[in-house]
Amino acid sequence: MTTEEKVILLAMLKREEGESLKDVLLMLENSRVFTLKEGKRLARGLKEEGYIEKGELTVKGEAAARTAEEEFKLS
């Protein structure tokens, strides 16, 4: 899993009530993490791998996001 994919999952975990996946991708684009096009491609891959479903983290996605959170804390 790439760092950018981990950032998406972590941002999904930490997002505010009412924020959608697209809102998260736009926020990350504004932070210059990646372009919106690249973010959509990465999100599509995360959906295909079962980390995101219907705009929400799956159990697998939440576990990966929490692992990424711990990984980033150590860095």
PDB file of N, CA and C in Angstrom:
ATOM      1  N   MET A   1       0.856  -1.176   0.000  1.00  0.00           N
ATOM      2  CA  MET A   1       0.000   0.000   0.000  1.00  0.00           C
ATOM      3  C   MET A   1       0.899   1.235   0.000  1.00  0.00           C
ATOM      4  N   THR A   2       0.551   2.196  -0.835  1.00  0.00           N
ATOM      5  CA  THR A   2       1.364   3.410  -0.940  1.00  0.00           C
ATOM      6  C   THR A   2       1.060   4.371   0.209  1.00  0.00           C
ATOM      7  N   THR A   3       1.962   5.300   0.410  1.00  0.00           N
ATOM      8  CA  THR A   3       1.759   6.319   1.438  1.00  0.00           C
ATOM      9  C   THR A   3       0.505   7.135   1.146  1.00  0.00           C
ATOM     10  N   GLU A   4       0.278   7.458  -0.124  1.00  0.00           N
ATOM     11  CA  GLU A   4      -0.905   8.234  -0.492  1.00  0.00           C
ATOM     12  C   GLU A   4      -2.191   7.485  -0.165  1.00  0.00           C
ATOM     13  N   GLU A   5      -2.212   6.181  -0.394  1.00  0.00           N
ATOM     14  CA  GLU A   5      -3.394   5.381  -0.061  1.00  0.00           C
ATOM     15  C   GLU A   5      -3.622   5.373   1.452  1.00  0.00           C
ATOM     16  N   LYS A   6      -2.542   5.275   2.214  1.00  0.00           N
ATOM     17  CA  LYS A   6      -2.652   5.315   3.673  1.00  0.00           C
ATOM     18  C   LYS A   6      -3.195   6.664   4.135  1.00  0.00           C
ATOM     19  N   VAL A   7      -2.759   7.733   3.480  1.00  0.00           N
ATOM     20  CA  VAL A   7      -3.237   9.076   3.829  1.00  0.00           C
ATOM     21  C   VAL A   7      -4.738   9.189   3.559  1.00  0.00           C
ATOM     22  N   ILE A   8      -5.200   8.641   2.447  1.00  0.00           N
ATOM     23  CA  ILE A   8      -6.639   8.666   2.143  1.00  0.00           C
ATOM     24  C   ILE A   8      -7.413   7.926   3.231  1.00  0.00           C
ATOM     25  N   LEU A   9      -6.971   6.736   3.583  1.00  0.00           N
ATOM     26  CA  LEU A   9      -7.669   5.952   4.608  1.00  0.00           C
ATOM     27  C   LEU A   9      -7.678   6.687   5.941  1.00  0.00           C
ATOM     28  N   LEU A  10      -6.552   7.271   6.319  1.00  0.00           N
ATOM     29  CA  LEU A  10      -6.469   8.008   7.582  1.00  0.00           C
ATOM     30  C   LEU A  10      -7.370   9.243   7.545  1.00  0.00           C
ATOM     31  N   ALA A  11      -7.394   9.935   6.414  1.00  0.00           N
ATOM     32  CA  ALA A  11      -8.268  11.107   6.282  1.00  0.00           C
ATOM     33  C   ALA A  11      -9.740  10.693   6.358  1.00  0.00           C
ATOM     34  N   MET A  12     -10.065   9.536   5.802  1.00  0.00           N
ATOM     35  CA  MET A  12     -11.438   9.026   5.890  1.00  0.00           C
ATOM     36  C   MET A  12     -11.790   8.717   7.348  1.00  0.00           C
ATOM     37  N   LEU A  13     -10.838   8.161   8.078  1.00  0.00           N
ATOM     38  CA  LEU A  13     -11.064   7.829   9.489  1.00  0.00           C
ATOM     39  C   LEU A  13     -11.282   9.089  10.317  1.00  0.00           C
ATOM     40  N   LYS A  14     -10.551  10.148  10.006  1.00  0.00           N
ATOM     41  CA  LYS A  14     -10.568  11.375  10.809  1.00  0.00           C
ATOM     42  C   LYS A  14     -11.520  12.451  10.276  1.00  0.00           C
ATOM     43  N   ARG A  15     -12.245  12.145   9.217  1.00  0.00           N
ATOM     44  CA  ARG A  15     -13.094  13.175   8.608  1.00  0.00           C
ATOM     45  C   ARG A  15     -14.225  13.604   9.535  1.00  0.00           C
ATOM     46  N   GLU A  16     -14.717  14.799   9.261  1.00  0.00           N
ATOM     47  CA  GLU A  16     -15.819  15.367  10.036  1.00  0.00           C
ATOM     48  C   GLU A  16     -17.143  14.724   9.612  1.00  0.00           C
ATOM     49  N   GLU A  17     -18.110  14.805  10.480  1.00  0.00           N
ATOM     50  CA  GLU A  17     -19.463  14.312  10.186  1.00  0.00           C
ATOM     51  C   GLU A  17     -19.983  15.017   8.933  1.00  0.00           C
ATOM     52  N   GLY A  18     -20.503  14.258   8.006  1.00  0.00           N
ATOM     53  CA  GLY A  18     -21.093  14.829   6.805  1.00  0.00           C
ATOM     54  C   GLY A  18     -20.129  15.014   5.646  1.00  0.00           C
ATOM     55  N   GLU A  19     -18.838  14.778   5.856  1.00  0.00           N
ATOM     56  CA  GLU A  19     -17.875  14.896   4.763  1.00  0.00           C
ATOM     57  C   GLU A  19     -17.890  13.607   3.944  1.00  0.00           C
ATOM     58  N   SER A  20     -17.864  13.774   2.641  1.00  0.00           N
ATOM     59  CA  SER A  20     -17.884  12.623   1.742  1.00  0.00           C
ATOM     60  C   SER A  20     -16.458  12.263   1.320  1.00  0.00           C
ATOM     61  N   LEU A  21     -16.344  11.157   0.612  1.00  0.00           N
ATOM     62  CA  LEU A  21     -15.050  10.754   0.064  1.00  0.00           C
ATOM     63  C   LEU A  21     -14.527  11.842  -0.857  1.00  0.00           C
ATOM     64  N   LYS A  22     -15.410  12.427  -1.663  1.00  0.00           N
ATOM     65  CA  LYS A  22     -14.980  13.492  -2.570  1.00  0.00           C
ATOM     66  C   LYS A  22     -14.460  14.698  -1.784  1.00  0.00           C
ATOM     67  N   ASP A  23     -15.121  15.046  -0.692  1.00  0.00           N
ATOM     68  CA  ASP A  23     -14.648  16.152   0.157  1.00  0.00           C
ATOM     69  C   ASP A  23     -13.240  15.869   0.668  1.00  0.00           C
ATOM     70  N   VAL A  24     -13.003  14.637   1.083  1.00  0.00           N
ATOM     71  CA  VAL A  24     -11.683  14.245   1.585  1.00  0.00           C
ATOM     72  C   VAL A  24     -10.645  14.369   0.477  1.00  0.00           C
ATOM     73  N   LEU A  25     -10.988  13.885  -0.725  1.00  0.00           N
ATOM     74  CA  LEU A  25     -10.053  13.967  -1.845  1.00  0.00           C
ATOM     75  C   LEU A  25      -9.759  15.425  -2.211  1.00  0.00           C
ATOM     76  N   LEU A  26     -10.774  16.268  -2.180  1.00  0.00           N
ATOM     77  CA  LEU A  26     -10.564  17.698  -2.472  1.00  0.00           C
ATOM     78  C   LEU A  26      -9.671  18.352  -1.418  1.00  0.00           C
ATOM     79  N   MET A  27      -9.864  17.994  -0.152  1.00  0.00           N
ATOM     80  CA  MET A  27      -9.032  18.531   0.916  1.00  0.00           C
ATOM     81  C   MET A  27      -7.574  18.118   0.710  1.00  0.00           C
ATOM     82  N   LEU A  28      -7.362  16.856   0.356  1.00  0.00           N
ATOM     83  CA  LEU A  28      -6.004  16.373   0.136  1.00  0.00           C
ATOM     84  C   LEU A  28      -5.386  17.002  -1.111  1.00  0.00           C
ATOM     85  N   GLU A  29      -6.209  17.268  -2.127  1.00  0.00           N
ATOM     86  CA  GLU A  29      -5.710  17.967  -3.315  1.00  0.00           C
ATOM     87  C   GLU A  29      -5.281  19.387  -2.937  1.00  0.00           C
ATOM     88  N   ASN A  30      -6.090  20.069  -2.139  1.00  0.00           N
ATOM     89  CA  ASN A  30      -5.751  21.426  -1.709  1.00  0.00           C
ATOM     90  C   ASN A  30      -4.481  21.442  -0.863  1.00  0.00           C
ATOM     91  N   SER A  31      -4.206  20.340  -0.182  1.00  0.00           N
ATOM     92  CA  SER A  31      -2.980  20.213   0.615  1.00  0.00           C
ATOM     93  C   SER A  31      -1.794  19.777  -0.249  1.00  0.00           C
ATOM     94  N   ARG A  32      -2.049  19.588  -1.524  1.00  0.00           N
ATOM     95  CA  ARG A  32      -1.039  19.196  -2.518  1.00  0.00           C
ATOM     96  C   ARG A  32      -0.448  17.809  -2.262  1.00  0.00           C
ATOM     97  N   VAL A  33      -1.271  16.928  -1.712  1.00  0.00           N
ATOM     98  CA  VAL A  33      -0.844  15.539  -1.534  1.00  0.00           C
ATOM     99  C   VAL A  33      -0.817  14.854  -2.900  1.00  0.00           C
ATOM    100  N   PHE A  34      -1.849  15.141  -3.718  1.00  0.00           N
ATOM    101  CA  PHE A  34      -1.950  14.628  -5.080  1.00  0.00           C
ATOM    102  C   PHE A  34      -3.010  15.432  -5.816  1.00  0.00           C
ATOM    103  N   THR A  35      -3.124  15.209  -7.128  1.00  0.00           N
ATOM    104  CA  THR A  35      -4.175  15.860  -7.901  1.00  0.00           C
ATOM    105  C   THR A  35      -5.491  15.127  -7.653  1.00  0.00           C
ATOM    106  N   LEU A  36      -6.593  15.778  -7.971  1.00  0.00           N
ATOM    107  CA  LEU A  36      -7.899  15.135  -7.802  1.00  0.00           C
ATOM    108  C   LEU A  36      -7.994  13.886  -8.670  1.00  0.00           C
ATOM    109  N   LYS A  37      -7.458  13.959  -9.873  1.00  0.00           N
ATOM    110  CA  LYS A  37      -7.481  12.800 -10.769  1.00  0.00           C
ATOM    111  C   LYS A  37      -6.729  11.625 -10.154  1.00  0.00           C
ATOM    112  N   GLU A  38      -5.551  11.891  -9.604  1.00  0.00           N
ATOM    113  CA  GLU A  38      -4.765  10.840  -8.960  1.00  0.00           C
ATOM    114  C   GLU A  38      -5.487  10.309  -7.717  1.00  0.00           C
ATOM    115  N   GLY A  39      -6.092  11.209  -6.943  1.00  0.00           N
ATOM    116  CA  GLY A  39      -6.832  10.801  -5.759  1.00  0.00           C
ATOM    117  C   GLY A  39      -8.001   9.887  -6.094  1.00  0.00           C
ATOM    118  N   LYS A  40      -8.706  10.213  -7.172  1.00  0.00           N
ATOM    119  CA  LYS A  40      -9.828   9.361  -7.590  1.00  0.00           C
ATOM    120  C   LYS A  40      -9.336   7.987  -8.021  1.00  0.00           C
ATOM    121  N   ARG A  41      -8.187   7.948  -8.703  1.00  0.00           N
ATOM    122  CA  ARG A  41      -7.614   6.668  -9.137  1.00  0.00           C
ATOM    123  C   ARG A  41      -7.228   5.834  -7.916  1.00  0.00           C
ATOM    124  N   LEU A  42      -6.605   6.470  -6.936  1.00  0.00           N
ATOM    125  CA  LEU A  42      -6.214   5.758  -5.720  1.00  0.00           C
ATOM    126  C   LEU A  42      -7.446   5.269  -4.951  1.00  0.00           C
ATOM    127  N   ALA A  43      -8.469   6.119  -4.855  1.00  0.00           N
ATOM    128  CA  ALA A  43      -9.703   5.737  -4.149  1.00  0.00           C
ATOM    129  C   ALA A  43     -10.390   4.570  -4.855  1.00  0.00           C
ATOM    130  N   ARG A  44     -10.374   4.574  -6.172  1.00  0.00           N
ATOM    131  CA  ARG A  44     -10.968   3.467  -6.925  1.00  0.00           C
ATOM    132  C   ARG A  44     -10.252   2.163  -6.585  1.00  0.00           C
ATOM    133  N   GLY A  45      -8.924   2.220  -6.511  1.00  0.00           N
ATOM    134  CA  GLY A  45      -8.152   1.036  -6.135  1.00  0.00           C
ATOM    135  C   GLY A  45      -8.482   0.558  -4.731  1.00  0.00           C
ATOM    136  N   LEU A  46      -8.653   1.502  -3.812  1.00  0.00           N
ATOM    137  CA  LEU A  46      -9.011   1.137  -2.433  1.00  0.00           C
ATOM    138  C   LEU A  46     -10.398   0.503  -2.373  1.00  0.00           C
ATOM    139  N   LYS A  47     -11.300   0.985  -3.216  1.00  0.00           N
ATOM    140  CA  LYS A  47     -12.637   0.380  -3.285  1.00  0.00           C
ATOM    141  C   LYS A  47     -12.543  -1.050  -3.813  1.00  0.00           C
ATOM    142  N   GLU A  48     -11.746  -1.227  -4.873  1.00  0.00           N
ATOM    143  CA  GLU A  48     -11.604  -2.555  -5.479  1.00  0.00           C
ATOM    144  C   GLU A  48     -10.969  -3.545  -4.509  1.00  0.00           C
ATOM    145  N   GLU A  49     -10.086  -3.054  -3.640  1.00  0.00           N
ATOM    146  CA  GLU A  49      -9.408  -3.916  -2.678  1.00  0.00           C
ATOM    147  C   GLU A  49     -10.228  -4.120  -1.399  1.00  0.00           C
ATOM    148  N   GLY A  50     -11.395  -3.480  -1.313  1.00  0.00           N
ATOM    149  CA  GLY A  50     -12.287  -3.704  -0.183  1.00  0.00           C
ATOM    150  C   GLY A  50     -12.041  -2.830   1.034  1.00  0.00           C
ATOM    151  N   TYR A  51     -11.311  -1.721   0.876  1.00  0.00           N
ATOM    152  CA  TYR A  51     -11.055  -0.820   1.998  1.00  0.00           C
ATOM    153  C   TYR A  51     -12.160   0.230   2.154  1.00  0.00           C
ATOM    154  N   ILE A  52     -12.802   0.565   1.036  1.00  0.00           N
ATOM    155  CA  ILE A  52     -13.875   1.571   1.036  1.00  0.00           C
ATOM    156  C   ILE A  52     -15.070   0.972   0.311  1.00  0.00           C
ATOM    157  N   GLU A  53     -16.264   1.177   0.892  1.00  0.00           N
ATOM    158  CA  GLU A  53     -17.497   0.712   0.259  1.00  0.00           C
ATOM    159  C   GLU A  53     -18.584   1.747   0.503  1.00  0.00           C
ATOM    160  N   LYS A  54     -19.239   2.166  -0.556  1.00  0.00           N
ATOM    161  CA  LYS A  54     -20.321   3.148  -0.471  1.00  0.00           C
ATOM    162  C   LYS A  54     -19.871   4.434   0.239  1.00  0.00           C
ATOM    163  N   GLY A  55     -18.629   4.854  -0.045  1.00  0.00           N
ATOM    164  CA  GLY A  55     -18.117   6.095   0.513  1.00  0.00           C
ATOM    165  C   GLY A  55     -17.720   6.034   1.971  1.00  0.00           C
ATOM    166  N   GLU A  56     -17.688   4.835   2.547  1.00  0.00           N
ATOM    167  CA  GLU A  56     -17.335   4.649   3.960  1.00  0.00           C
ATOM    168  C   GLU A  56     -16.218   3.616   4.072  1.00  0.00           C
ATOM    169  N   LEU A  57     -15.461   3.695   5.147  1.00  0.00           N
ATOM    170  CA  LEU A  57     -14.441   2.682   5.404  1.00  0.00           C
ATOM    171  C   LEU A  57     -15.109   1.369   5.791  1.00  0.00           C
ATOM    172  N   THR A  58     -14.583   0.288   5.272  1.00  0.00           N
ATOM    173  CA  THR A  58     -15.029  -1.035   5.709  1.00  0.00           C
ATOM    174  C   THR A  58     -14.244  -1.372   6.983  1.00  0.00           C
ATOM    175  N   VAL A  59     -14.534  -2.501   7.578  1.00  0.00           N
ATOM    176  CA  VAL A  59     -13.781  -2.943   8.754  1.00  0.00           C
ATOM    177  C   VAL A  59     -12.300  -3.073   8.381  1.00  0.00           C
ATOM    178  N   LYS A  60     -12.045  -3.638   7.215  1.00  0.00           N
ATOM    179  CA  LYS A  60     -10.676  -3.779   6.710  1.00  0.00           C
ATOM    180  C   LYS A  60     -10.032  -2.403   6.527  1.00  0.00           C
ATOM    181  N   GLY A  61     -10.800  -1.452   5.993  1.00  0.00           N
ATOM    182  CA  GLY A  61     -10.298  -0.096   5.777  1.00  0.00           C
ATOM    183  C   GLY A  61      -9.998   0.618   7.078  1.00  0.00           C
ATOM    184  N   GLU A  62     -10.870   0.448   8.058  1.00  0.00           N
ATOM    185  CA  GLU A  62     -10.662   1.085   9.355  1.00  0.00           C
ATOM    186  C   GLU A  62      -9.419   0.510  10.044  1.00  0.00           C
ATOM    187  N   ALA A  63      -9.231  -0.787   9.945  1.00  0.00           N
ATOM    188  CA  ALA A  63      -8.043  -1.417  10.537  1.00  0.00           C
ATOM    189  C   ALA A  63      -6.773  -0.903   9.865  1.00  0.00           C
ATOM    190  N   ALA A  64      -6.798  -0.787   8.548  1.00  0.00           N
ATOM    191  CA  ALA A  64      -5.633  -0.284   7.814  1.00  0.00           C
ATOM    192  C   ALA A  64      -5.368   1.183   8.160  1.00  0.00           C
ATOM    193  N   ALA A  65      -6.440   1.969   8.340  1.00  0.00           N
ATOM    194  CA  ALA A  65      -6.290   3.385   8.696  1.00  0.00           C
ATOM    195  C   ALA A  65      -5.675   3.521  10.086  1.00  0.00           C
ATOM    196  N   ARG A  66      -6.103   2.698  11.010  1.00  0.00           N
ATOM    197  CA  ARG A  66      -5.540   2.747  12.374  1.00  0.00           C
ATOM    198  C   ARG A  66      -4.071   2.308  12.378  1.00  0.00           C
ATOM    199  N   THR A  67      -3.736   1.334  11.558  1.00  0.00           N
ATOM    200  CA  THR A  67      -2.341   0.906  11.419  1.00  0.00           C
ATOM    201  C   THR A  67      -1.507   2.043  10.833  1.00  0.00           C
ATOM    202  N   ALA A  68      -2.046   2.711   9.824  1.00  0.00           N
ATOM    203  CA  ALA A  68      -1.341   3.848   9.212  1.00  0.00           C
ATOM    204  C   ALA A  68      -1.153   4.968  10.225  1.00  0.00           C
ATOM    205  N   GLU A  69      -2.160   5.199  11.047  1.00  0.00           N
ATOM    206  CA  GLU A  69      -2.070   6.243  12.072  1.00  0.00           C
ATOM    207  C   GLU A  69      -0.903   5.956  13.016  1.00  0.00           C
ATOM    208  N   GLU A  70      -0.792   4.716  13.450  1.00  0.00           N
ATOM    209  CA  GLU A  70       0.314   4.332  14.335  1.00  0.00           C
ATOM    210  C   GLU A  70       1.658   4.461  13.621  1.00  0.00           C
ATOM    211  N   GLU A  71       1.685   4.064  12.363  1.00  0.00           N
ATOM    212  CA  GLU A  71       2.912   4.145  11.566  1.00  0.00           C
ATOM    213  C   GLU A  71       3.376   5.606  11.427  1.00  0.00           C
ATOM    214  N   PHE A  72       2.436   6.510  11.166  1.00  0.00           N
ATOM    215  CA  PHE A  72       2.782   7.914  11.000  1.00  0.00           C
ATOM    216  C   PHE A  72       3.190   8.549  12.331  1.00  0.00           C
ATOM    217  N   LYS A  73       2.648   8.070  13.428  1.00  0.00           N
ATOM    218  CA  LYS A  73       3.031   8.598  14.744  1.00  0.00           C
ATOM    219  C   LYS A  73       4.483   8.270  15.058  1.00  0.00           C
ATOM    220  N   LEU A  74       4.928   7.109  14.610  1.00  0.00           N
ATOM    221  CA  LEU A  74       6.301   6.685  14.869  1.00  0.00           C
ATOM    222  C   LEU A  74       7.309   7.432  14.026  1.00  0.00           C
ATOM    223  N   SER A  75       6.865   7.940  12.885  1.00  0.00           N
ATOM    224  CA  SER A  75       7.776   8.629  11.965  1.00  0.00           C
ATOM    225  C   SER A  75       8.196   9.973  12.465  1.00  0.00           C
TER     226      SER A  75
END
